[in-house]
Amino acid sequence: MVGGWATAIAATIGAGHLIVRLFVKAVRAALFEQTQGFKDDLETLEEWWVERLEQIEDRLDRIDRELRPNGGASLRDTVDRLEKWATSQT
């Protein structure tokens, strides 16, 4: 009788161990899939931010060029000409 109980307990423990291993494996796979999706999202966001920052830098460069004299075509040159004209009119 004791041998039968020992066999039943050993089989139950073995089945429990197998169930736990399968559960851990399934959870690990689900977590990996979720973290992989999160990683992909972060990479997409990083690419978007890099592109956006490059656009902002380009725009700031264009504005900066307009605020410096360049021989006549910049906004600064136009303001300087208007100021010179206004002072000559007084």
C-alpha atoms as a PDB file:
ATOM      1  CA  MET A   1       0.000   0.000   0.000  1.00  0.00           C
ATOM      2  CA  VAL A   2       2.809   2.422   0.854  1.00  0.00           C
ATOM      3  CA  GLY A   3       4.414   1.702  -2.511  1.00  0.00           C
ATOM      4  CA  GLY A   4       1.171   2.609  -4.267  1.00  0.00           C
ATOM      5  CA  TRP A   5       0.939   5.894  -2.389  1.00  0.00           C
ATOM      6  CA  ALA A   6       4.579   6.673  -3.086  1.00  0.00           C
ATOM      7  CA  THR A   7       4.021   6.025  -6.780  1.00  0.00           C
ATOM      8  CA  ALA A   8       0.914   8.220  -6.810  1.00  0.00           C
ATOM      9  CA  ILE A   9       2.712  11.044  -4.983  1.00  0.00           C
ATOM     10  CA  ALA A  10       5.715  10.787  -7.304  1.00  0.00           C
ATOM     11  CA  ALA A  11       3.423  10.851 -10.364  1.00  0.00           C
ATOM     12  CA  THR A  12       1.539  13.870  -8.976  1.00  0.00           C
ATOM     13  CA  ILE A  13       4.787  15.717  -8.274  1.00  0.00           C
ATOM     14  CA  GLY A  14       6.078  14.851 -11.742  1.00  0.00           C
ATOM     15  CA  ALA A  15       2.870  16.037 -13.385  1.00  0.00           C
ATOM     16  CA  GLY A  16       2.933  19.227 -11.267  1.00  0.00           C
ATOM     17  CA  HIS A  17       6.536  19.856 -12.247  1.00  0.00           C
ATOM     18  CA  LEU A  18       5.663  19.378 -15.925  1.00  0.00           C
ATOM     19  CA  ILE A  19       2.690  21.746 -15.642  1.00  0.00           C
ATOM     20  CA  VAL A  20       4.835  24.406 -13.929  1.00  0.00           C
ATOM     21  CA  ARG A  21       7.539  24.084 -16.589  1.00  0.00           C
ATOM     22  CA  LEU A  22       4.963  24.452 -19.379  1.00  0.00           C
ATOM     23  CA  PHE A  23       3.407  27.445 -17.623  1.00  0.00           C
ATOM     24  CA  VAL A  24       6.789  29.151 -17.178  1.00  0.00           C
ATOM     25  CA  LYS A  25       7.638  28.487 -20.810  1.00  0.00           C
ATOM     26  CA  ALA A  26       4.327  29.984 -21.988  1.00  0.00           C
ATOM     27  CA  VAL A  27       4.743  33.066 -19.763  1.00  0.00           C
ATOM     28  CA  ARG A  28       8.310  33.540 -20.954  1.00  0.00           C
ATOM     29  CA  ALA A  29       7.188  33.369 -24.602  1.00  0.00           C
ATOM     30  CA  ALA A  30       4.350  35.858 -23.987  1.00  0.00           C
ATOM     31  CA  LEU A  31       6.668  38.268 -22.185  1.00  0.00           C
ATOM     32  CA  PHE A  32       9.260  37.998 -24.935  1.00  0.00           C
ATOM     33  CA  GLU A  33       6.627  38.792 -27.552  1.00  0.00           C
ATOM     34  CA  GLN A  34       5.392  41.802 -25.595  1.00  0.00           C
ATOM     35  CA  THR A  35       8.868  43.146 -24.905  1.00  0.00           C
ATOM     36  CA  GLN A  36       9.811  42.635 -28.552  1.00  0.00           C
ATOM     37  CA  GLY A  37       6.781  44.695 -29.589  1.00  0.00           C
ATOM     38  CA  PHE A  38       7.748  47.363 -27.062  1.00  0.00           C
ATOM     39  CA  LYS A  39      11.298  47.400 -28.402  1.00  0.00           C
ATOM     40  CA  ASP A  40       9.997  47.791 -31.964  1.00  0.00           C
ATOM     41  CA  ASP A  41       7.773  50.676 -30.834  1.00  0.00           C
ATOM     42  CA  LEU A  42      10.729  52.389 -29.167  1.00  0.00           C
ATOM     43  CA  GLU A  43      12.867  52.027 -32.289  1.00  0.00           C
ATOM     44  CA  THR A  44      10.086  53.531 -34.402  1.00  0.00           C
ATOM     45  CA  LEU A  45       9.742  56.435 -31.975  1.00  0.00           C
ATOM     46  CA  GLU A  46      13.485  56.964 -31.961  1.00  0.00           C
ATOM     47  CA  GLU A  47      13.547  57.139 -35.756  1.00  0.00           C
ATOM     48  CA  TRP A  48      10.634  59.608 -35.699  1.00  0.00           C
ATOM     49  CA  TRP A  49      12.356  61.834 -33.121  1.00  0.00           C
ATOM     50  CA  VAL A  50      15.669  61.780 -34.988  1.00  0.00           C
ATOM     51  CA  GLU A  51      13.897  62.802 -38.199  1.00  0.00           C
ATOM     52  CA  ARG A  52      11.878  65.485 -36.390  1.00  0.00           C
ATOM     53  CA  LEU A  53      14.981  66.928 -34.702  1.00  0.00           C
ATOM     54  CA  GLU A  54      16.760  67.085 -38.069  1.00  0.00           C
ATOM     55  CA  GLN A  55      13.781  69.003 -39.488  1.00  0.00           C
ATOM     56  CA  ILE A  56      13.876  71.426 -36.553  1.00  0.00           C
ATOM     57  CA  GLU A  57      17.624  71.929 -36.950  1.00  0.00           C
ATOM     58  CA  ASP A  58      17.180  72.640 -40.666  1.00  0.00           C
ATOM     59  CA  ARG A  59      14.454  75.161 -39.928  1.00  0.00           C
ATOM     60  CA  LEU A  60      16.575  76.889 -37.276  1.00  0.00           C
ATOM     61  CA  ASP A  61      19.479  77.039 -39.730  1.00  0.00           C
ATOM     62  CA  ARG A  62      17.253  78.719 -42.331  1.00  0.00           C
ATOM     63  CA  ILE A  63      15.994  81.225 -39.754  1.00  0.00           C
ATOM     64  CA  ASP A  64      19.533  81.879 -38.576  1.00  0.00           C
ATOM     65  CA  ARG A  65      20.666  82.570 -42.162  1.00  0.00           C
ATOM     66  CA  GLU A  66      17.846  85.103 -42.543  1.00  0.00           C
ATOM     67  CA  LEU A  67      18.967  86.942 -39.414  1.00  0.00           C
ATOM     68  CA  ARG A  68      22.550  87.452 -40.623  1.00  0.00           C
ATOM     69  CA  PRO A  69      23.633  89.807 -43.366  1.00  0.00           C
ATOM     70  CA  ASN A  70      24.619  88.045 -46.584  1.00  0.00           C
ATOM     71  CA  GLY A  71      25.005  90.810 -49.097  1.00  0.00           C
ATOM     72  CA  GLY A  72      21.408  91.777 -49.715  1.00  0.00           C
ATOM     73  CA  ALA A  73      19.038  88.814 -49.743  1.00  0.00           C
ATOM     74  CA  SER A  74      18.527  88.150 -46.038  1.00  0.00           C
ATOM     75  CA  LEU A  75      15.831  89.569 -43.807  1.00  0.00           C
ATOM     76  CA  ARG A  76      18.595  91.284 -41.819  1.00  0.00           C
ATOM     77  CA  ASP A  77      19.826  93.062 -44.954  1.00  0.00           C
ATOM     78  CA  THR A  78      16.283  94.226 -45.680  1.00  0.00           C
ATOM     79  CA  VAL A  79      15.846  95.581 -42.142  1.00  0.00           C
ATOM     80  CA  ASP A  80      19.212  97.326 -42.364  1.00  0.00           C
ATOM     81  CA  ARG A  81      18.209  98.939 -45.682  1.00  0.00           C
ATOM     82  CA  LEU A  82      14.873 100.074 -44.232  1.00  0.00           C
ATOM     83  CA  GLU A  83      16.573 101.486 -41.154  1.00  0.00           C
ATOM     84  CA  LYS A  84      19.106 103.316 -43.292  1.00  0.00           C
ATOM     85  CA  TRP A  85      16.320 104.680 -45.499  1.00  0.00           C
ATOM     86  CA  ALA A  86      14.238 105.739 -42.464  1.00  0.00           C
ATOM     87  CA  THR A  87      17.161 107.623 -40.894  1.00  0.00           C
ATOM     88  CA  SER A  88      17.896 109.356 -44.194  1.00  0.00           C
ATOM     89  CA  GLN A  89      14.290 110.576 -44.350  1.00  0.00           C
ATOM     90  CA  THR A  90      14.506 112.533 -41.110  1.00  0.00           C
END
